[in-house]
Amino acid sequence: MSDFKVIIGDPETGKTYKKDFDEKSEEVRRALLGLRIGDTFDGELIGFDKYKFQITGGSDTEGFPMHPSVQGTSRRKILSRRGIGFRLKKKGLRLRKSVRGNTVSEAISALNVKIVEKGPDPIEKFL
């Protein structure tokens, strides 16, 4: 498997932090399997004591983004007017785009999360 990274957004400060996990820490990826966009999880799963995180998105190994309206883990083509994975170039334009489902799977290489509940220690201590 390839490396797995978690991008952590702090809504209070607007800063983002990146935590990399190598092949040796596959238990982190396995602990997050099956969670969906919008689900919250305990920060101890990724090494942040007394923190809580909410999944906001992610991308797979080929760079296709996770889309909240696509159920499951597979990659699908959707007809999109705007939103995730699409940049509007002309007014009224619709394109068929490939996106990944809203569930965390083995194919996810980057997971975007935001802090829901902070712990007593600053986040820089864990990075």
N, C-alpha and C. Protein backbone atom coordinates (compact mmCIF):
# COMPACT_ATOMS: atom_id res chain seq x y z
N MET A 1 0.83 -1.19 0.00
CA MET A 1 0.00 0.00 0.00
C MET A 1 0.87 1.25 0.00
N SER A 2 0.27 2.32 -0.40
CA SER A 2 1.00 3.59 -0.44
C SER A 2 0.84 4.32 0.88
N ASP A 3 1.52 5.44 0.97
CA ASP A 3 1.43 6.26 2.19
C ASP A 3 0.02 6.80 2.34
N PHE A 4 -0.33 7.08 3.57
CA PHE A 4 -1.64 7.61 3.91
C PHE A 4 -1.42 8.88 4.70
N LYS A 5 -2.16 9.93 4.37
CA LYS A 5 -2.01 11.18 5.11
C LYS A 5 -3.36 11.72 5.53
N VAL A 6 -3.35 12.41 6.65
CA VAL A 6 -4.54 13.05 7.19
C VAL A 6 -4.26 14.55 7.23
N ILE A 7 -5.10 15.34 6.57
CA ILE A 7 -4.98 16.78 6.56
C ILE A 7 -6.00 17.32 7.55
N ILE A 8 -5.50 18.01 8.58
CA ILE A 8 -6.34 18.47 9.69
C ILE A 8 -6.55 19.97 9.56
N GLY A 9 -7.81 20.38 9.52
CA GLY A 9 -8.15 21.80 9.47
C GLY A 9 -8.64 22.28 10.82
N ASP A 10 -8.14 23.45 11.23
CA ASP A 10 -8.57 24.06 12.49
C ASP A 10 -9.49 25.23 12.15
N PRO A 11 -10.80 25.10 12.37
CA PRO A 11 -11.73 26.17 12.00
C PRO A 11 -11.53 27.46 12.79
N GLU A 12 -10.98 27.37 14.00
CA GLU A 12 -10.79 28.56 14.82
C GLU A 12 -9.69 29.46 14.28
N THR A 13 -8.57 28.86 13.88
CA THR A 13 -7.43 29.65 13.42
C THR A 13 -7.32 29.71 11.90
N GLY A 14 -7.95 28.77 11.21
CA GLY A 14 -7.85 28.71 9.76
C GLY A 14 -6.60 28.00 9.27
N LYS A 15 -5.81 27.44 10.17
CA LYS A 15 -4.59 26.73 9.80
C LYS A 15 -4.89 25.27 9.47
N THR A 16 -4.02 24.69 8.64
CA THR A 16 -4.12 23.26 8.34
C THR A 16 -2.81 22.58 8.71
N TYR A 17 -2.91 21.33 9.10
CA TYR A 17 -1.75 20.54 9.50
C TYR A 17 -1.83 19.21 8.77
N LYS A 18 -0.65 18.65 8.44
CA LYS A 18 -0.60 17.38 7.73
C LYS A 18 0.11 16.35 8.59
N LYS A 19 -0.50 15.19 8.73
CA LYS A 19 0.11 14.08 9.48
C LYS A 19 0.26 12.91 8.52
N ASP A 20 1.50 12.48 8.27
CA ASP A 20 1.79 11.37 7.36
C ASP A 20 1.89 10.07 8.13
N PHE A 21 1.39 9.01 7.50
CA PHE A 21 1.51 7.66 8.04
C PHE A 21 2.14 6.81 6.95
N ASP A 22 3.15 6.02 7.30
CA ASP A 22 3.81 5.18 6.30
C ASP A 22 3.15 3.81 6.24
N GLU A 23 3.76 2.91 5.46
CA GLU A 23 3.19 1.58 5.27
C GLU A 23 3.11 0.79 6.57
N LYS A 24 4.00 1.12 7.53
CA LYS A 24 4.04 0.37 8.78
C LYS A 24 2.83 0.65 9.66
N SER A 25 2.14 1.75 9.43
CA SER A 25 1.00 2.11 10.27
C SER A 25 -0.31 1.89 9.53
N GLU A 26 -0.50 0.71 9.01
CA GLU A 26 -1.74 0.36 8.30
C GLU A 26 -2.93 0.27 9.25
N GLU A 27 -2.67 0.09 10.55
CA GLU A 27 -3.78 0.00 11.51
C GLU A 27 -4.56 1.30 11.59
N VAL A 28 -3.92 2.43 11.28
CA VAL A 28 -4.62 3.72 11.26
C VAL A 28 -5.64 3.73 10.14
N ARG A 29 -5.23 3.30 8.95
CA ARG A 29 -6.16 3.25 7.82
C ARG A 29 -7.29 2.27 8.08
N ARG A 30 -6.96 1.12 8.66
CA ARG A 30 -7.99 0.12 8.95
C ARG A 30 -8.99 0.61 9.99
N ALA A 31 -8.52 1.42 10.94
CA ALA A 31 -9.41 1.95 11.97
C ALA A 31 -10.42 2.94 11.38
N LEU A 32 -10.06 3.60 10.29
CA LEU A 32 -10.94 4.58 9.68
C LEU A 32 -11.81 4.00 8.57
N LEU A 33 -11.58 2.75 8.19
CA LEU A 33 -12.36 2.13 7.12
C LEU A 33 -13.84 2.09 7.48
N GLY A 34 -14.68 2.41 6.51
CA GLY A 34 -16.12 2.36 6.71
C GLY A 34 -16.73 3.66 7.19
N LEU A 35 -15.92 4.61 7.64
CA LEU A 35 -16.47 5.90 8.05
C LEU A 35 -16.84 6.71 6.81
N ARG A 36 -17.82 7.59 6.94
CA ARG A 36 -18.30 8.38 5.81
C ARG A 36 -18.02 9.85 6.03
N ILE A 37 -18.17 10.63 4.97
CA ILE A 37 -18.05 12.07 5.07
C ILE A 37 -19.12 12.57 6.03
N GLY A 38 -18.72 13.37 7.00
CA GLY A 38 -19.64 13.88 8.01
C GLY A 38 -19.57 13.14 9.33
N ASP A 39 -18.98 11.94 9.34
CA ASP A 39 -18.85 11.17 10.58
C ASP A 39 -17.75 11.77 11.46
N THR A 40 -17.92 11.66 12.76
CA THR A 40 -16.90 12.10 13.70
C THR A 40 -16.22 10.87 14.29
N PHE A 41 -14.94 11.03 14.64
CA PHE A 41 -14.20 9.93 15.26
C PHE A 41 -13.26 10.49 16.31
N ASP A 42 -12.84 9.62 17.20
CA ASP A 42 -11.96 9.98 18.29
C ASP A 42 -10.54 10.17 17.76
N GLY A 43 -9.87 11.19 18.22
CA GLY A 43 -8.52 11.51 17.74
C GLY A 43 -7.48 10.50 18.15
N GLU A 44 -7.77 9.66 19.13
CA GLU A 44 -6.80 8.65 19.55
C GLU A 44 -6.52 7.65 18.44
N LEU A 45 -7.43 7.50 17.48
CA LEU A 45 -7.20 6.60 16.35
C LEU A 45 -6.00 7.02 15.52
N ILE A 46 -5.74 8.34 15.45
CA ILE A 46 -4.62 8.83 14.64
C ILE A 46 -3.53 9.47 15.50
N GLY A 47 -3.61 9.28 16.83
CA GLY A 47 -2.54 9.74 17.70
C GLY A 47 -2.75 11.09 18.36
N PHE A 48 -3.97 11.61 18.38
CA PHE A 48 -4.27 12.90 19.00
C PHE A 48 -5.18 12.64 20.20
N ASP A 49 -4.60 12.65 21.41
CA ASP A 49 -5.37 12.36 22.61
C ASP A 49 -6.35 13.48 22.92
N LYS A 50 -7.56 13.09 23.29
CA LYS A 50 -8.65 13.98 23.72
C LYS A 50 -9.10 14.96 22.64
N TYR A 51 -8.87 14.65 21.38
CA TYR A 51 -9.38 15.44 20.25
C TYR A 51 -10.49 14.66 19.57
N LYS A 52 -11.40 15.37 18.92
CA LYS A 52 -12.43 14.74 18.09
C LYS A 52 -12.38 15.41 16.72
N PHE A 53 -12.51 14.60 15.67
CA PHE A 53 -12.42 15.09 14.30
C PHE A 53 -13.66 14.70 13.51
N GLN A 54 -13.97 15.50 12.48
CA GLN A 54 -15.06 15.19 11.56
C GLN A 54 -14.48 15.08 10.16
N ILE A 55 -14.88 14.05 9.42
CA ILE A 55 -14.39 13.83 8.06
C ILE A 55 -15.11 14.81 7.13
N THR A 56 -14.33 15.56 6.35
CA THR A 56 -14.90 16.52 5.41
C THR A 56 -14.66 16.13 3.95
N GLY A 57 -13.79 15.18 3.69
CA GLY A 57 -13.53 14.77 2.32
C GLY A 57 -12.24 14.01 2.23
N GLY A 58 -11.71 13.92 1.00
CA GLY A 58 -10.46 13.22 0.78
C GLY A 58 -10.28 12.94 -0.69
N SER A 59 -9.23 12.19 -1.01
CA SER A 59 -8.99 11.80 -2.40
C SER A 59 -8.32 10.44 -2.42
N ASP A 60 -8.47 9.76 -3.56
CA ASP A 60 -7.89 8.43 -3.68
C ASP A 60 -6.48 8.51 -4.24
N THR A 61 -5.88 7.35 -4.50
CA THR A 61 -4.49 7.31 -4.93
C THR A 61 -4.28 7.94 -6.30
N GLU A 62 -5.31 8.00 -7.14
CA GLU A 62 -5.19 8.61 -8.46
C GLU A 62 -5.59 10.09 -8.44
N GLY A 63 -6.04 10.60 -7.30
CA GLY A 63 -6.37 12.01 -7.19
C GLY A 63 -7.83 12.35 -7.35
N PHE A 64 -8.70 11.37 -7.49
CA PHE A 64 -10.13 11.64 -7.63
C PHE A 64 -10.71 11.97 -6.25
N PRO A 65 -11.48 13.06 -6.14
CA PRO A 65 -11.99 13.48 -4.83
C PRO A 65 -13.18 12.64 -4.37
N MET A 66 -13.35 12.57 -3.06
CA MET A 66 -14.53 11.93 -2.48
C MET A 66 -15.70 12.90 -2.63
N HIS A 67 -16.88 12.36 -2.95
CA HIS A 67 -18.06 13.19 -3.15
C HIS A 67 -19.14 12.75 -2.17
N PRO A 68 -19.73 13.69 -1.41
CA PRO A 68 -20.69 13.30 -0.37
C PRO A 68 -21.98 12.68 -0.88
N SER A 69 -22.37 12.93 -2.12
CA SER A 69 -23.64 12.40 -2.61
C SER A 69 -23.50 11.02 -3.27
N VAL A 70 -22.28 10.54 -3.46
CA VAL A 70 -22.06 9.23 -4.08
C VAL A 70 -21.87 8.21 -2.96
N GLN A 71 -22.81 7.28 -2.83
CA GLN A 71 -22.77 6.28 -1.77
C GLN A 71 -21.76 5.19 -2.09
N GLY A 72 -21.09 4.68 -1.07
CA GLY A 72 -20.18 3.55 -1.23
C GLY A 72 -18.74 3.97 -1.36
N THR A 73 -17.93 3.01 -1.82
CA THR A 73 -16.49 3.23 -1.90
C THR A 73 -15.96 3.29 -3.33
N SER A 74 -16.79 2.96 -4.31
CA SER A 74 -16.31 2.86 -5.68
C SER A 74 -16.20 4.22 -6.36
N ARG A 75 -15.51 4.23 -7.49
CA ARG A 75 -15.39 5.44 -8.29
C ARG A 75 -16.50 5.42 -9.34
N ARG A 76 -17.19 6.55 -9.47
CA ARG A 76 -18.29 6.65 -10.42
C ARG A 76 -18.20 7.94 -11.20
N LYS A 77 -18.87 7.96 -12.34
CA LYS A 77 -18.97 9.19 -13.13
C LYS A 77 -20.33 9.82 -12.84
N ILE A 78 -20.29 11.12 -12.51
CA ILE A 78 -21.53 11.84 -12.25
C ILE A 78 -21.61 13.03 -13.18
N LEU A 79 -22.83 13.44 -13.47
CA LEU A 79 -23.05 14.64 -14.26
C LEU A 79 -23.12 15.81 -13.28
N SER A 80 -22.16 16.73 -13.40
CA SER A 80 -22.03 17.78 -12.40
C SER A 80 -22.11 19.16 -13.04
N ARG A 81 -22.78 20.07 -12.34
CA ARG A 81 -22.82 21.47 -12.74
C ARG A 81 -21.87 22.31 -11.91
N ARG A 82 -21.69 21.92 -10.68
CA ARG A 82 -20.79 22.64 -9.78
C ARG A 82 -20.46 21.74 -8.61
N GLY A 83 -19.52 22.19 -7.78
CA GLY A 83 -19.22 21.46 -6.57
C GLY A 83 -17.88 20.76 -6.60
N ILE A 84 -17.79 19.70 -5.85
CA ILE A 84 -16.55 18.98 -5.64
C ILE A 84 -16.09 18.33 -6.94
N GLY A 85 -14.83 18.58 -7.31
CA GLY A 85 -14.25 18.00 -8.51
C GLY A 85 -14.60 18.72 -9.78
N PHE A 86 -15.18 19.92 -9.70
CA PHE A 86 -15.63 20.62 -10.90
C PHE A 86 -15.39 22.11 -10.77
N ARG A 87 -14.80 22.70 -11.80
CA ARG A 87 -14.64 24.14 -11.87
C ARG A 87 -15.45 24.65 -13.05
N LEU A 88 -16.31 25.60 -12.78
CA LEU A 88 -17.19 26.15 -13.80
C LEU A 88 -16.39 27.02 -14.76
N LYS A 89 -16.42 26.68 -16.06
CA LYS A 89 -15.70 27.46 -17.06
C LYS A 89 -16.65 28.34 -17.86
N LYS A 90 -17.86 27.89 -18.05
CA LYS A 90 -18.90 28.63 -18.77
C LYS A 90 -20.20 28.50 -18.00
N LYS A 91 -21.01 29.52 -18.04
CA LYS A 91 -22.29 29.47 -17.35
C LYS A 91 -23.19 28.42 -18.00
N GLY A 92 -23.80 27.58 -17.16
CA GLY A 92 -24.70 26.54 -17.65
C GLY A 92 -24.02 25.27 -18.10
N LEU A 93 -22.71 25.18 -17.99
CA LEU A 93 -21.96 24.02 -18.43
C LEU A 93 -22.14 22.86 -17.47
N ARG A 94 -22.35 21.66 -18.01
CA ARG A 94 -22.41 20.44 -17.22
C ARG A 94 -21.43 19.45 -17.80
N LEU A 95 -20.68 18.78 -16.95
CA LEU A 95 -19.70 17.81 -17.40
C LEU A 95 -19.83 16.51 -16.60
N ARG A 96 -19.44 15.43 -17.24
CA ARG A 96 -19.39 14.16 -16.54
C ARG A 96 -18.01 14.04 -15.91
N LYS A 97 -17.99 13.90 -14.58
CA LYS A 97 -16.73 13.84 -13.84
C LYS A 97 -16.65 12.55 -13.04
N SER A 98 -15.45 12.01 -12.90
CA SER A 98 -15.23 10.84 -12.06
C SER A 98 -14.94 11.28 -10.64
N VAL A 99 -15.65 10.68 -9.69
CA VAL A 99 -15.45 10.96 -8.27
C VAL A 99 -15.47 9.65 -7.50
N ARG A 100 -14.94 9.69 -6.30
CA ARG A 100 -14.92 8.54 -5.41
C ARG A 100 -16.12 8.63 -4.48
N GLY A 101 -16.60 7.52 -3.96
CA GLY A 101 -17.74 7.50 -3.05
C GLY A 101 -17.43 8.16 -1.72
N ASN A 102 -18.44 8.28 -0.87
CA ASN A 102 -18.31 9.03 0.38
C ASN A 102 -17.80 8.19 1.54
N THR A 103 -17.42 6.95 1.32
CA THR A 103 -16.98 6.06 2.39
C THR A 103 -15.48 5.82 2.29
N VAL A 104 -14.79 5.85 3.42
CA VAL A 104 -13.34 5.63 3.45
C VAL A 104 -13.05 4.17 3.13
N SER A 105 -12.14 3.95 2.17
CA SER A 105 -11.77 2.60 1.77
C SER A 105 -10.25 2.50 1.68
N GLU A 106 -9.76 1.35 1.24
CA GLU A 106 -8.32 1.14 1.07
C GLU A 106 -7.74 2.04 -0.01
N ALA A 107 -8.57 2.50 -0.94
CA ALA A 107 -8.08 3.32 -2.05
C ALA A 107 -7.84 4.78 -1.67
N ILE A 108 -8.30 5.21 -0.51
CA ILE A 108 -8.14 6.60 -0.10
C ILE A 108 -6.70 6.83 0.36
N SER A 109 -6.06 7.86 -0.19
CA SER A 109 -4.68 8.16 0.19
C SER A 109 -4.57 9.43 1.02
N ALA A 110 -5.54 10.33 0.93
CA ALA A 110 -5.54 11.55 1.73
C ALA A 110 -6.93 11.76 2.28
N LEU A 111 -7.01 12.02 3.56
CA LEU A 111 -8.29 12.22 4.22
C LEU A 111 -8.30 13.61 4.85
N ASN A 112 -9.31 14.40 4.51
CA ASN A 112 -9.44 15.74 5.06
C ASN A 112 -10.38 15.68 6.25
N VAL A 113 -9.94 16.25 7.37
CA VAL A 113 -10.76 16.29 8.58
C VAL A 113 -10.69 17.68 9.19
N LYS A 114 -11.69 17.99 10.03
CA LYS A 114 -11.64 19.24 10.78
C LYS A 114 -11.80 18.94 12.26
N ILE A 115 -11.25 19.83 13.08
CA ILE A 115 -11.31 19.66 14.53
C ILE A 115 -12.70 20.03 15.01
N VAL A 116 -13.35 19.12 15.74
CA VAL A 116 -14.65 19.38 16.32
C VAL A 116 -14.51 19.71 17.81
N GLU A 117 -13.61 18.99 18.47
CA GLU A 117 -13.40 19.19 19.90
C GLU A 117 -11.90 19.14 20.18
N LYS A 118 -11.38 20.19 20.81
CA LYS A 118 -9.94 20.27 21.10
C LYS A 118 -9.64 19.65 22.45
N GLY A 119 -8.42 19.14 22.56
CA GLY A 119 -7.93 18.61 23.82
C GLY A 119 -7.17 19.68 24.58
N PRO A 120 -6.64 19.32 25.74
CA PRO A 120 -5.91 20.30 26.55
C PRO A 120 -4.56 20.70 25.97
N ASP A 121 -3.93 19.78 25.21
CA ASP A 121 -2.61 20.05 24.63
C ASP A 121 -2.76 20.71 23.26
N PRO A 122 -1.82 21.58 22.88
CA PRO A 122 -1.87 22.18 21.53
C PRO A 122 -1.61 21.12 20.48
N ILE A 123 -2.16 21.34 19.30
CA ILE A 123 -2.06 20.33 18.22
C ILE A 123 -0.63 20.16 17.72
N GLU A 124 0.18 21.21 17.85
CA GLU A 124 1.58 21.13 17.39
C GLU A 124 2.36 20.08 18.17
N LYS A 125 1.93 19.75 19.38
CA LYS A 125 2.62 18.75 20.20
C LYS A 125 2.58 17.36 19.55
N PHE A 126 1.51 17.07 18.83
CA PHE A 126 1.31 15.74 18.25
C PHE A 126 1.93 15.58 16.87
N LEU A 127 2.36 16.67 16.25
CA LEU A 127 2.87 16.59 14.88
C LEU A 127 4.35 16.34 14.82
